[in-house]
Amino acid sequence: MYKLLYSPASPFVRKVRVVLEELGLVDDVELVEVATTPLAPAAEVTAEHALRKIPALIRPEGCTLYDSRVITRYLDARARGGLYPESHIWETLTLEATGDGIMEAAVLMVYEKRLRPEDKQDHGWIEAQWGKIENALDVLSDRWMSHLAGPLDAGQIAIGCALGYLDFRHPEREWRTGRGALDDWYAVFAERASMRRTSPF
């Protein structure tokens, strides 16, 4: 049986879990919860992921897969789910990379506040990460709404999980302000059964 090393708070893990839900593969994968941070990586994570991160998908038939984009693409290929459609594969991959970039910047903001002593926190660096997120949100609003409104793909899942993480960890930033179309899209997307079942709240 497959095993997924995970934490329910990780947006990258959530992306994999949403894909499992959407592809009907939930019963094929055992969730193994780990408590891990960059400063104190869990032993299970160190053993399976070269960079000591989550998620990691342990496979009985081959090497452990890591990086959420590798795992989601593997699962989609295994299920022939169509979440990476060849007809617009580059758009899908670019949108997924945008969602992952938002998640990465948002996670780094959390790490700066939680893992550094208060007197050593770099607030300018935190704001620079938020600047990346805001720019990405503006680009999504200006250029990507038609793609987001199309058939479900991996890019949409990444964006949905990224926006959910902003609500979870950075609600005071009010990402919705001035982005009504993106807000409306997310309000509908967040009601998908896969999103509700993987919510970190």
N, C-alpha and C. Protein backbone atom coordinates (compact mmCIF):
# COMPACT_ATOMS: atom_id res chain seq x y z
N MET A 1 0.85 -1.20 0.00
CA MET A 1 0.00 0.00 0.00
C MET A 1 0.88 1.25 0.00
N TYR A 2 0.42 2.27 -0.66
CA TYR A 2 1.12 3.54 -0.68
C TYR A 2 0.98 4.24 0.68
N LYS A 3 2.00 5.01 1.04
CA LYS A 3 1.95 5.80 2.27
C LYS A 3 2.33 7.24 1.95
N LEU A 4 1.57 8.17 2.49
CA LEU A 4 1.85 9.59 2.29
C LEU A 4 2.26 10.20 3.62
N LEU A 5 3.51 10.67 3.70
CA LEU A 5 3.96 11.41 4.89
C LEU A 5 3.37 12.81 4.80
N TYR A 6 2.66 13.21 5.85
CA TYR A 6 1.89 14.45 5.72
C TYR A 6 1.70 15.16 7.05
N SER A 7 1.34 16.42 6.95
CA SER A 7 0.81 17.21 8.06
C SER A 7 -0.45 17.88 7.54
N PRO A 8 -1.53 17.90 8.30
CA PRO A 8 -2.78 18.48 7.80
C PRO A 8 -2.69 19.98 7.55
N ALA A 9 -1.69 20.65 8.12
CA ALA A 9 -1.56 22.10 7.93
C ALA A 9 -0.80 22.48 6.67
N SER A 10 -0.09 21.55 6.06
CA SER A 10 0.74 21.86 4.89
C SER A 10 -0.12 22.07 3.64
N PRO A 11 0.03 23.20 2.95
CA PRO A 11 -0.75 23.40 1.72
C PRO A 11 -0.28 22.49 0.60
N PHE A 12 1.01 22.12 0.60
CA PHE A 12 1.51 21.21 -0.42
C PHE A 12 0.94 19.81 -0.23
N VAL A 13 0.83 19.39 1.01
CA VAL A 13 0.17 18.12 1.32
C VAL A 13 -1.30 18.19 0.93
N ARG A 14 -1.94 19.30 1.24
CA ARG A 14 -3.35 19.42 0.91
C ARG A 14 -3.57 19.26 -0.59
N LYS A 15 -2.69 19.82 -1.40
CA LYS A 15 -2.82 19.70 -2.85
C LYS A 15 -2.82 18.22 -3.26
N VAL A 16 -1.92 17.44 -2.68
CA VAL A 16 -1.87 16.01 -2.98
C VAL A 16 -3.15 15.33 -2.51
N ARG A 17 -3.62 15.69 -1.34
CA ARG A 17 -4.83 15.06 -0.81
C ARG A 17 -6.06 15.42 -1.64
N VAL A 18 -6.13 16.63 -2.12
CA VAL A 18 -7.25 17.01 -3.00
C VAL A 18 -7.21 16.17 -4.28
N VAL A 19 -6.02 15.99 -4.83
CA VAL A 19 -5.89 15.17 -6.03
C VAL A 19 -6.33 13.72 -5.73
N LEU A 20 -5.91 13.19 -4.60
CA LEU A 20 -6.37 11.84 -4.22
C LEU A 20 -7.89 11.77 -4.17
N GLU A 21 -8.51 12.78 -3.59
CA GLU A 21 -9.96 12.81 -3.50
C GLU A 21 -10.59 12.89 -4.89
N GLU A 22 -10.09 13.79 -5.70
CA GLU A 22 -10.68 14.00 -7.03
C GLU A 22 -10.52 12.78 -7.93
N LEU A 23 -9.44 12.03 -7.74
CA LEU A 23 -9.18 10.86 -8.59
C LEU A 23 -9.72 9.56 -8.01
N GLY A 24 -10.32 9.62 -6.83
CA GLY A 24 -10.86 8.41 -6.23
C GLY A 24 -9.80 7.44 -5.74
N LEU A 25 -8.66 7.97 -5.29
CA LEU A 25 -7.55 7.12 -4.86
C LEU A 25 -7.33 7.14 -3.35
N VAL A 26 -8.24 7.72 -2.61
CA VAL A 26 -8.04 7.88 -1.17
C VAL A 26 -7.79 6.55 -0.48
N ASP A 27 -8.52 5.52 -0.86
CA ASP A 27 -8.37 4.23 -0.18
C ASP A 27 -7.09 3.50 -0.54
N ASP A 28 -6.36 4.00 -1.52
CA ASP A 28 -5.11 3.36 -1.93
C ASP A 28 -3.89 3.89 -1.15
N VAL A 29 -4.10 4.94 -0.37
CA VAL A 29 -2.97 5.62 0.26
C VAL A 29 -3.21 5.76 1.76
N GLU A 30 -2.28 5.26 2.55
CA GLU A 30 -2.33 5.44 4.01
C GLU A 30 -1.69 6.77 4.36
N LEU A 31 -2.39 7.57 5.13
CA LEU A 31 -1.85 8.85 5.58
C LEU A 31 -1.04 8.64 6.86
N VAL A 32 0.21 9.06 6.84
CA VAL A 32 1.10 8.92 8.00
C VAL A 32 1.45 10.32 8.46
N GLU A 33 0.83 10.76 9.55
CA GLU A 33 1.04 12.12 10.03
C GLU A 33 2.39 12.22 10.73
N VAL A 34 3.12 13.29 10.42
CA VAL A 34 4.42 13.54 11.04
C VAL A 34 4.46 14.97 11.55
N ALA A 35 5.21 15.16 12.63
CA ALA A 35 5.47 16.50 13.16
C ALA A 35 6.88 16.87 12.74
N THR A 36 7.00 17.81 11.81
CA THR A 36 8.31 18.11 11.24
C THR A 36 8.44 19.59 10.95
N THR A 37 9.64 20.13 11.11
CA THR A 37 9.94 21.51 10.74
C THR A 37 11.34 21.52 10.12
N PRO A 38 11.72 22.62 9.44
CA PRO A 38 13.08 22.68 8.90
C PRO A 38 14.16 22.56 9.97
N LEU A 39 13.86 23.00 11.19
CA LEU A 39 14.85 22.93 12.26
C LEU A 39 14.84 21.59 13.00
N ALA A 40 13.73 20.88 12.90
CA ALA A 40 13.61 19.59 13.58
C ALA A 40 12.86 18.62 12.68
N PRO A 41 13.50 18.16 11.61
CA PRO A 41 12.82 17.25 10.70
C PRO A 41 12.55 15.90 11.35
N ALA A 42 11.37 15.36 11.06
CA ALA A 42 11.01 14.06 11.60
C ALA A 42 11.90 12.98 11.00
N ALA A 43 12.17 11.95 11.78
CA ALA A 43 13.04 10.86 11.31
C ALA A 43 12.46 10.20 10.07
N GLU A 44 11.13 10.03 10.04
CA GLU A 44 10.50 9.39 8.89
C GLU A 44 10.72 10.21 7.62
N VAL A 45 10.67 11.54 7.77
CA VAL A 45 10.85 12.42 6.62
C VAL A 45 12.30 12.38 6.15
N THR A 46 13.23 12.43 7.09
CA THR A 46 14.66 12.37 6.75
C THR A 46 14.99 11.08 6.00
N ALA A 47 14.34 9.99 6.39
CA ALA A 47 14.61 8.70 5.77
C ALA A 47 14.08 8.60 4.35
N GLU A 48 13.02 9.35 4.05
CA GLU A 48 12.35 9.17 2.76
C GLU A 48 12.51 10.32 1.77
N HIS A 49 12.81 11.51 2.26
CA HIS A 49 12.87 12.69 1.39
C HIS A 49 14.27 13.30 1.49
N ALA A 50 14.97 13.39 0.36
CA ALA A 50 16.35 13.88 0.37
C ALA A 50 16.46 15.27 0.97
N LEU A 51 15.42 16.09 0.82
CA LEU A 51 15.45 17.47 1.32
C LEU A 51 14.70 17.64 2.63
N ARG A 52 14.26 16.53 3.21
CA ARG A 52 13.62 16.53 4.52
C ARG A 52 12.34 17.38 4.55
N LYS A 53 11.50 17.20 3.54
CA LYS A 53 10.26 17.95 3.45
C LYS A 53 9.08 17.00 3.32
N ILE A 54 7.88 17.57 3.45
CA ILE A 54 6.66 16.85 3.12
C ILE A 54 5.94 17.64 2.04
N PRO A 55 5.15 16.91 1.23
CA PRO A 55 4.78 15.50 1.29
C PRO A 55 5.84 14.59 0.67
N ALA A 56 5.74 13.32 1.04
CA ALA A 56 6.53 12.28 0.40
C ALA A 56 5.63 11.07 0.23
N LEU A 57 5.61 10.50 -0.96
CA LEU A 57 4.77 9.34 -1.25
C LEU A 57 5.64 8.10 -1.34
N ILE A 58 5.47 7.21 -0.36
CA ILE A 58 6.24 5.97 -0.32
C ILE A 58 5.50 4.93 -1.15
N ARG A 59 6.19 4.38 -2.14
CA ARG A 59 5.58 3.42 -3.06
C ARG A 59 6.16 2.02 -2.83
N PRO A 60 5.31 1.00 -2.83
CA PRO A 60 5.84 -0.35 -2.65
C PRO A 60 6.64 -0.84 -3.86
N GLU A 61 6.41 -0.25 -5.04
CA GLU A 61 7.03 -0.78 -6.25
C GLU A 61 8.24 0.04 -6.72
N GLY A 62 8.59 1.09 -5.99
CA GLY A 62 9.70 1.90 -6.47
C GLY A 62 10.12 2.95 -5.47
N CYS A 63 10.89 3.92 -5.95
CA CYS A 63 11.44 4.94 -5.07
C CYS A 63 10.33 5.83 -4.50
N THR A 64 10.61 6.41 -3.36
CA THR A 64 9.70 7.39 -2.78
C THR A 64 9.67 8.64 -3.66
N LEU A 65 8.48 9.14 -3.91
CA LEU A 65 8.32 10.34 -4.72
C LEU A 65 8.15 11.55 -3.81
N TYR A 66 8.76 12.66 -4.18
CA TYR A 66 8.58 13.89 -3.42
C TYR A 66 8.58 15.10 -4.34
N ASP A 67 8.19 16.22 -3.75
CA ASP A 67 7.75 17.44 -4.39
C ASP A 67 6.31 17.20 -4.82
N SER A 68 5.44 18.07 -4.36
CA SER A 68 4.00 17.85 -4.58
C SER A 68 3.67 17.75 -6.06
N ARG A 69 4.38 18.51 -6.91
CA ARG A 69 4.08 18.47 -8.34
C ARG A 69 4.44 17.11 -8.95
N VAL A 70 5.49 16.49 -8.46
CA VAL A 70 5.84 15.15 -8.93
C VAL A 70 4.77 14.15 -8.49
N ILE A 71 4.37 14.24 -7.24
CA ILE A 71 3.38 13.30 -6.70
C ILE A 71 2.04 13.44 -7.41
N THR A 72 1.57 14.68 -7.59
CA THR A 72 0.25 14.84 -8.21
C THR A 72 0.27 14.37 -9.66
N ARG A 73 1.37 14.63 -10.35
CA ARG A 73 1.42 14.18 -11.74
C ARG A 73 1.48 12.66 -11.82
N TYR A 74 2.22 12.04 -10.89
CA TYR A 74 2.27 10.58 -10.85
C TYR A 74 0.88 10.00 -10.59
N LEU A 75 0.18 10.56 -9.60
CA LEU A 75 -1.16 10.04 -9.28
C LEU A 75 -2.11 10.22 -10.46
N ASP A 76 -2.02 11.35 -11.12
CA ASP A 76 -2.89 11.59 -12.27
C ASP A 76 -2.59 10.61 -13.40
N ALA A 77 -1.32 10.34 -13.64
CA ALA A 77 -0.96 9.37 -14.68
C ALA A 77 -1.45 7.98 -14.31
N ARG A 78 -1.32 7.63 -13.04
CA ARG A 78 -1.75 6.30 -12.59
C ARG A 78 -3.25 6.12 -12.76
N ALA A 79 -4.02 7.18 -12.48
CA ALA A 79 -5.48 7.08 -12.56
C ALA A 79 -6.02 7.51 -13.92
N ARG A 80 -5.15 8.02 -14.78
CA ARG A 80 -5.58 8.58 -16.06
C ARG A 80 -6.69 9.61 -15.83
N GLY A 81 -6.39 10.52 -14.92
CA GLY A 81 -7.43 11.44 -14.46
C GLY A 81 -7.64 12.68 -15.29
N GLY A 82 -6.67 13.03 -16.13
CA GLY A 82 -6.84 14.20 -16.99
C GLY A 82 -6.61 15.53 -16.31
N LEU A 83 -5.94 15.53 -15.16
CA LEU A 83 -5.68 16.80 -14.48
C LEU A 83 -4.51 17.56 -15.10
N TYR A 84 -3.78 16.92 -16.01
CA TYR A 84 -2.71 17.56 -16.76
C TYR A 84 -3.02 17.39 -18.25
N PRO A 85 -4.02 18.09 -18.75
CA PRO A 85 -4.47 17.88 -20.14
C PRO A 85 -3.45 18.35 -21.16
N GLU A 86 -3.15 17.50 -22.13
CA GLU A 86 -2.16 17.84 -23.14
C GLU A 86 -2.57 19.05 -23.97
N SER A 87 -3.87 19.28 -24.10
CA SER A 87 -4.35 20.39 -24.93
C SER A 87 -3.91 21.76 -24.40
N HIS A 88 -3.70 21.85 -23.11
CA HIS A 88 -3.17 23.11 -22.55
C HIS A 88 -2.24 22.80 -21.36
N ILE A 89 -1.30 21.88 -21.62
CA ILE A 89 -0.42 21.44 -20.55
C ILE A 89 0.45 22.56 -20.01
N TRP A 90 0.96 23.46 -20.87
CA TRP A 90 1.87 24.49 -20.39
C TRP A 90 1.15 25.52 -19.54
N GLU A 91 -0.09 25.81 -19.90
CA GLU A 91 -0.88 26.71 -19.06
C GLU A 91 -1.15 26.08 -17.70
N THR A 92 -1.50 24.80 -17.72
CA THR A 92 -1.78 24.10 -16.46
C THR A 92 -0.55 24.07 -15.56
N LEU A 93 0.60 23.75 -16.14
CA LEU A 93 1.83 23.69 -15.35
C LEU A 93 2.23 25.07 -14.83
N THR A 94 2.04 26.09 -15.63
CA THR A 94 2.37 27.44 -15.19
C THR A 94 1.45 27.88 -14.05
N LEU A 95 0.17 27.57 -14.18
CA LEU A 95 -0.77 27.92 -13.11
C LEU A 95 -0.44 27.15 -11.84
N GLU A 96 -0.08 25.87 -11.97
CA GLU A 96 0.30 25.09 -10.80
C GLU A 96 1.55 25.69 -10.15
N ALA A 97 2.52 26.10 -10.96
CA ALA A 97 3.73 26.71 -10.40
C ALA A 97 3.40 28.02 -9.69
N THR A 98 2.43 28.75 -10.19
CA THR A 98 2.01 29.99 -9.53
C THR A 98 1.39 29.69 -8.17
N GLY A 99 0.52 28.71 -8.12
CA GLY A 99 -0.06 28.31 -6.84
C GLY A 99 1.00 27.83 -5.86
N ASP A 100 1.93 27.03 -6.35
CA ASP A 100 3.00 26.54 -5.47
C ASP A 100 3.87 27.68 -4.98
N GLY A 101 4.11 28.68 -5.84
CA GLY A 101 4.91 29.82 -5.43
C GLY A 101 4.24 30.63 -4.34
N ILE A 102 2.92 30.79 -4.45
CA ILE A 102 2.17 31.48 -3.39
C ILE A 102 2.30 30.71 -2.08
N MET A 103 2.14 29.40 -2.16
CA MET A 103 2.26 28.58 -0.95
C MET A 103 3.64 28.71 -0.33
N GLU A 104 4.66 28.63 -1.16
CA GLU A 104 6.03 28.69 -0.64
C GLU A 104 6.29 30.01 0.08
N ALA A 105 5.89 31.11 -0.54
CA ALA A 105 6.11 32.41 0.09
C ALA A 105 5.33 32.52 1.40
N ALA A 106 4.10 32.02 1.40
CA ALA A 106 3.26 32.08 2.60
C ALA A 106 3.83 31.22 3.72
N VAL A 107 4.35 30.04 3.38
CA VAL A 107 4.97 29.16 4.38
C VAL A 107 6.23 29.80 4.94
N LEU A 108 7.02 30.43 4.10
CA LEU A 108 8.24 31.09 4.57
C LEU A 108 7.92 32.23 5.55
N MET A 109 6.82 32.92 5.32
CA MET A 109 6.40 33.95 6.27
C MET A 109 6.10 33.34 7.64
N VAL A 110 5.43 32.19 7.63
CA VAL A 110 5.12 31.50 8.88
C VAL A 110 6.41 31.06 9.58
N TYR A 111 7.33 30.48 8.81
CA TYR A 111 8.59 30.02 9.41
C TYR A 111 9.37 31.17 10.03
N GLU A 112 9.39 32.32 9.35
CA GLU A 112 10.15 33.45 9.88
C GLU A 112 9.62 33.87 11.25
N LYS A 113 8.31 33.81 11.42
CA LYS A 113 7.72 34.23 12.68
C LYS A 113 7.80 33.15 13.76
N ARG A 114 7.73 31.90 13.34
CA ARG A 114 7.66 30.82 14.33
C ARG A 114 9.02 30.24 14.71
N LEU A 115 9.96 30.25 13.77
CA LEU A 115 11.20 29.54 13.99
C LEU A 115 12.37 30.45 14.34
N ARG A 116 12.21 31.75 14.18
CA ARG A 116 13.27 32.69 14.57
C ARG A 116 12.88 33.41 15.86
N PRO A 117 13.85 33.69 16.72
CA PRO A 117 13.55 34.54 17.88
C PRO A 117 13.01 35.89 17.40
N GLU A 118 12.13 36.47 18.18
CA GLU A 118 11.46 37.70 17.75
C GLU A 118 12.45 38.80 17.40
N ASP A 119 13.53 38.91 18.15
CA ASP A 119 14.49 39.99 17.88
C ASP A 119 15.34 39.75 16.64
N LYS A 120 15.23 38.57 16.05
CA LYS A 120 15.99 38.26 14.84
C LYS A 120 15.10 38.16 13.60
N GLN A 121 13.81 38.38 13.76
CA GLN A 121 12.91 38.29 12.62
C GLN A 121 13.13 39.47 11.68
N ASP A 122 13.10 39.19 10.39
CA ASP A 122 13.33 40.21 9.37
C ASP A 122 11.98 40.59 8.77
N HIS A 123 11.42 41.68 9.25
CA HIS A 123 10.08 42.08 8.80
C HIS A 123 10.10 42.58 7.36
N GLY A 124 11.21 43.14 6.93
CA GLY A 124 11.31 43.52 5.53
C GLY A 124 11.25 42.31 4.61
N TRP A 125 11.89 41.22 5.04
CA TRP A 125 11.87 39.98 4.27
C TRP A 125 10.47 39.39 4.25
N ILE A 126 9.77 39.45 5.38
CA ILE A 126 8.39 38.97 5.44
C ILE A 126 7.53 39.75 4.45
N GLU A 127 7.68 41.06 4.43
CA GLU A 127 6.88 41.86 3.52
C GLU A 127 7.25 41.60 2.06
N ALA A 128 8.50 41.27 1.81
CA ALA A 128 8.90 40.92 0.45
C ALA A 128 8.20 39.64 -0.02
N GLN A 129 8.06 38.68 0.90
CA GLN A 129 7.32 37.46 0.55
C GLN A 129 5.86 37.78 0.26
N TRP A 130 5.28 38.65 1.08
CA TRP A 130 3.89 39.02 0.83
C TRP A 130 3.77 39.78 -0.49
N GLY A 131 4.77 40.55 -0.83
CA GLY A 131 4.75 41.24 -2.11
C GLY A 131 4.69 40.28 -3.29
N LYS A 132 5.42 39.16 -3.19
CA LYS A 132 5.34 38.12 -4.22
C LYS A 132 3.91 37.59 -4.33
N ILE A 133 3.31 37.34 -3.18
CA ILE A 133 1.95 36.79 -3.16
C ILE A 133 0.97 37.77 -3.78
N GLU A 134 1.06 39.02 -3.39
CA GLU A 134 0.14 40.02 -3.93
C GLU A 134 0.29 40.16 -5.44
N ASN A 135 1.51 40.15 -5.91
CA ASN A 135 1.71 40.25 -7.35
C ASN A 135 1.10 39.05 -8.07
N ALA A 136 1.30 37.86 -7.50
CA ALA A 136 0.73 36.65 -8.10
C ALA A 136 -0.80 36.71 -8.11
N LEU A 137 -1.39 37.19 -7.03
CA LEU A 137 -2.85 37.30 -6.97
C LEU A 137 -3.36 38.29 -8.01
N ASP A 138 -2.63 39.38 -8.22
CA ASP A 138 -3.04 40.36 -9.23
C ASP A 138 -2.95 39.76 -10.63
N VAL A 139 -1.89 38.99 -10.88
CA VAL A 139 -1.74 38.34 -12.18
C VAL A 139 -2.86 37.34 -12.41
N LEU A 140 -3.19 36.58 -11.39
CA LEU A 140 -4.31 35.64 -11.51
C LEU A 140 -5.60 36.37 -11.86
N SER A 141 -5.85 37.46 -11.18
CA SER A 141 -7.08 38.22 -11.40
C SER A 141 -7.11 38.83 -12.79
N ASP A 142 -5.96 39.26 -13.29
CA ASP A 142 -5.91 39.97 -14.57
C ASP A 142 -5.85 39.04 -15.78
N ARG A 143 -5.22 37.86 -15.61
CA ARG A 143 -4.90 37.04 -16.79
C ARG A 143 -5.44 35.61 -16.77
N TRP A 144 -5.83 35.12 -15.61
CA TRP A 144 -6.08 33.68 -15.51
C TRP A 144 -7.52 33.29 -15.18
N MET A 145 -8.42 34.24 -15.09
CA MET A 145 -9.77 33.89 -14.65
C MET A 145 -10.48 32.97 -15.64
N SER A 146 -10.22 33.12 -16.93
CA SER A 146 -10.88 32.25 -17.90
C SER A 146 -10.40 30.81 -17.74
N HIS A 147 -9.10 30.63 -17.44
CA HIS A 147 -8.59 29.28 -17.22
C HIS A 147 -9.17 28.69 -15.93
N LEU A 148 -9.23 29.50 -14.90
CA LEU A 148 -9.79 29.02 -13.64
C LEU A 148 -11.24 28.59 -13.79
N ALA A 149 -11.94 29.20 -14.73
CA ALA A 149 -13.36 28.88 -14.94
C ALA A 149 -13.56 27.64 -15.81
N GLY A 150 -12.48 27.08 -16.35
CA GLY A 150 -12.59 25.92 -17.22
C GLY A 150 -12.67 24.61 -16.46
N PRO A 151 -12.57 23.49 -17.19
CA PRO A 151 -12.60 22.17 -16.55
C PRO A 151 -11.48 22.01 -15.52
N LEU A 152 -11.76 21.24 -14.49
CA LEU A 152 -10.81 21.07 -13.39
C LEU A 152 -9.47 20.54 -13.89
N ASP A 153 -8.39 21.18 -13.43
CA ASP A 153 -7.05 20.66 -13.70
C ASP A 153 -6.16 20.91 -12.49
N ALA A 154 -4.91 20.47 -12.59
CA ALA A 154 -3.99 20.56 -11.46
C ALA A 154 -3.67 22.01 -11.12
N GLY A 155 -3.69 22.89 -12.09
CA GLY A 155 -3.44 24.29 -11.82
C GLY A 155 -4.50 24.89 -10.92
N GLN A 156 -5.75 24.60 -11.21
CA GLN A 156 -6.84 25.09 -10.36
C GLN A 156 -6.72 24.56 -8.94
N ILE A 157 -6.36 23.29 -8.80
CA ILE A 157 -6.21 22.71 -7.47
C ILE A 157 -5.12 23.42 -6.69
N ALA A 158 -4.00 23.72 -7.35
CA ALA A 158 -2.90 24.42 -6.68
C ALA A 158 -3.34 25.81 -6.22
N ILE A 159 -4.05 26.52 -7.08
CA ILE A 159 -4.52 27.86 -6.71
C ILE A 159 -5.52 27.77 -5.56
N GLY A 160 -6.43 26.83 -5.63
CA GLY A 160 -7.41 26.67 -4.55
C GLY A 160 -6.75 26.40 -3.21
N CYS A 161 -5.74 25.52 -3.20
CA CYS A 161 -5.04 25.20 -1.96
C CYS A 161 -4.22 26.39 -1.47
N ALA A 162 -3.66 27.16 -2.41
CA ALA A 162 -2.89 28.34 -2.02
C ALA A 162 -3.78 29.38 -1.35
N LEU A 163 -4.93 29.65 -1.94
CA LEU A 163 -5.84 30.63 -1.35
C LEU A 163 -6.37 30.14 0.00
N GLY A 164 -6.63 28.85 0.10
CA GLY A 164 -7.05 28.29 1.38
C GLY A 164 -6.00 28.47 2.45
N TYR A 165 -4.74 28.34 2.07
CA TYR A 165 -3.66 28.52 3.04
C TYR A 165 -3.55 29.97 3.49
N LEU A 166 -3.79 30.90 2.58
CA LEU A 166 -3.79 32.32 2.97
C LEU A 166 -4.88 32.59 4.00
N ASP A 167 -6.03 31.98 3.81
CA ASP A 167 -7.10 32.13 4.81
C ASP A 167 -6.70 31.50 6.14
N PHE A 168 -6.01 30.38 6.07
CA PHE A 168 -5.65 29.62 7.27
C PHE A 168 -4.56 30.30 8.09
N ARG A 169 -3.50 30.78 7.43
CA ARG A 169 -2.34 31.30 8.14
C ARG A 169 -2.22 32.83 8.11
N HIS A 170 -2.83 33.47 7.13
CA HIS A 170 -2.65 34.92 6.99
C HIS A 170 -3.98 35.64 6.77
N PRO A 171 -4.99 35.36 7.57
CA PRO A 171 -6.30 35.99 7.33
C PRO A 171 -6.27 37.51 7.48
N GLU A 172 -5.36 38.01 8.32
CA GLU A 172 -5.29 39.46 8.54
C GLU A 172 -4.82 40.21 7.31
N ARG A 173 -4.26 39.51 6.34
CA ARG A 173 -3.76 40.16 5.13
C ARG A 173 -4.88 40.49 4.13
N GLU A 174 -6.03 39.84 4.32
CA GLU A 174 -7.24 40.15 3.52
C GLU A 174 -6.94 40.14 2.01
N TRP A 175 -6.51 38.99 1.52
CA TRP A 175 -6.12 38.88 0.12
C TRP A 175 -7.25 39.18 -0.85
N ARG A 176 -8.50 39.08 -0.40
CA ARG A 176 -9.64 39.29 -1.29
C ARG A 176 -9.83 40.75 -1.72
N THR A 177 -9.30 41.68 -0.96
CA THR A 177 -9.55 43.10 -1.21
C THR A 177 -9.14 43.49 -2.63
N GLY A 178 -10.09 44.03 -3.39
CA GLY A 178 -9.82 44.44 -4.76
C GLY A 178 -9.74 43.31 -5.76
N ARG A 179 -10.07 42.08 -5.34
CA ARG A 179 -9.96 40.92 -6.23
C ARG A 179 -11.27 40.13 -6.21
N GLY A 180 -12.35 40.80 -6.53
CA GLY A 180 -13.68 40.21 -6.41
C GLY A 180 -13.87 38.97 -7.25
N ALA A 181 -13.36 38.96 -8.48
CA ALA A 181 -13.55 37.80 -9.35
C ALA A 181 -12.84 36.57 -8.80
N LEU A 182 -11.61 36.78 -8.30
CA LEU A 182 -10.87 35.66 -7.72
C LEU A 182 -11.55 35.17 -6.45
N ASP A 183 -12.05 36.09 -5.66
CA ASP A 183 -12.80 35.75 -4.45
C ASP A 183 -14.03 34.92 -4.81
N ASP A 184 -14.77 35.34 -5.82
CA ASP A 184 -15.97 34.60 -6.23
C ASP A 184 -15.62 33.20 -6.71
N TRP A 185 -14.54 33.11 -7.47
CA TRP A 185 -14.13 31.78 -7.96
C TRP A 185 -13.78 30.87 -6.78
N TYR A 186 -13.01 31.40 -5.83
CA TYR A 186 -12.58 30.57 -4.71
C TYR A 186 -13.76 30.16 -3.84
N ALA A 187 -14.73 31.04 -3.68
CA ALA A 187 -15.90 30.71 -2.85
C ALA A 187 -16.59 29.46 -3.38
N VAL A 188 -16.65 29.33 -4.69
CA VAL A 188 -17.27 28.14 -5.30
C VAL A 188 -16.33 26.95 -5.20
N PHE A 189 -15.05 27.16 -5.52
CA PHE A 189 -14.09 26.07 -5.53
C PHE A 189 -13.93 25.46 -4.14
N ALA A 190 -13.96 26.30 -3.11
CA ALA A 190 -13.77 25.82 -1.74
C ALA A 190 -14.89 24.91 -1.27
N GLU A 191 -16.02 24.91 -1.99
CA GLU A 191 -17.14 24.06 -1.61
C GLU A 191 -17.05 22.67 -2.23
N ARG A 192 -16.05 22.43 -3.07
CA ARG A 192 -15.89 21.08 -3.61
C ARG A 192 -15.69 20.11 -2.44
N ALA A 193 -16.21 18.91 -2.59
CA ALA A 193 -16.09 17.91 -1.52
C ALA A 193 -14.63 17.66 -1.18
N SER A 194 -13.76 17.64 -2.18
CA SER A 194 -12.33 17.37 -1.93
C SER A 194 -11.70 18.47 -1.09
N MET A 195 -12.14 19.70 -1.29
CA MET A 195 -11.61 20.81 -0.50
C MET A 195 -12.14 20.79 0.92
N ARG A 196 -13.42 20.49 1.07
CA ARG A 196 -14.00 20.45 2.42
C ARG A 196 -13.36 19.33 3.24
N ARG A 197 -13.12 18.18 2.63
CA ARG A 197 -12.59 17.05 3.37
C ARG A 197 -11.12 17.21 3.73
N THR A 198 -10.42 18.13 3.09
CA THR A 198 -9.00 18.33 3.37
C THR A 198 -8.72 19.65 4.06
N SER A 199 -9.76 20.35 4.49
CA SER A 199 -9.57 21.65 5.10
C SER A 199 -8.72 21.55 6.37
N PRO A 200 -7.75 22.47 6.55
CA PRO A 200 -6.95 22.46 7.79
C PRO A 200 -7.65 23.10 8.97
N PHE A 201 -8.78 23.76 8.75
CA PHE A 201 -9.46 24.43 9.85
C PHE A 201 -10.09 23.41 10.79
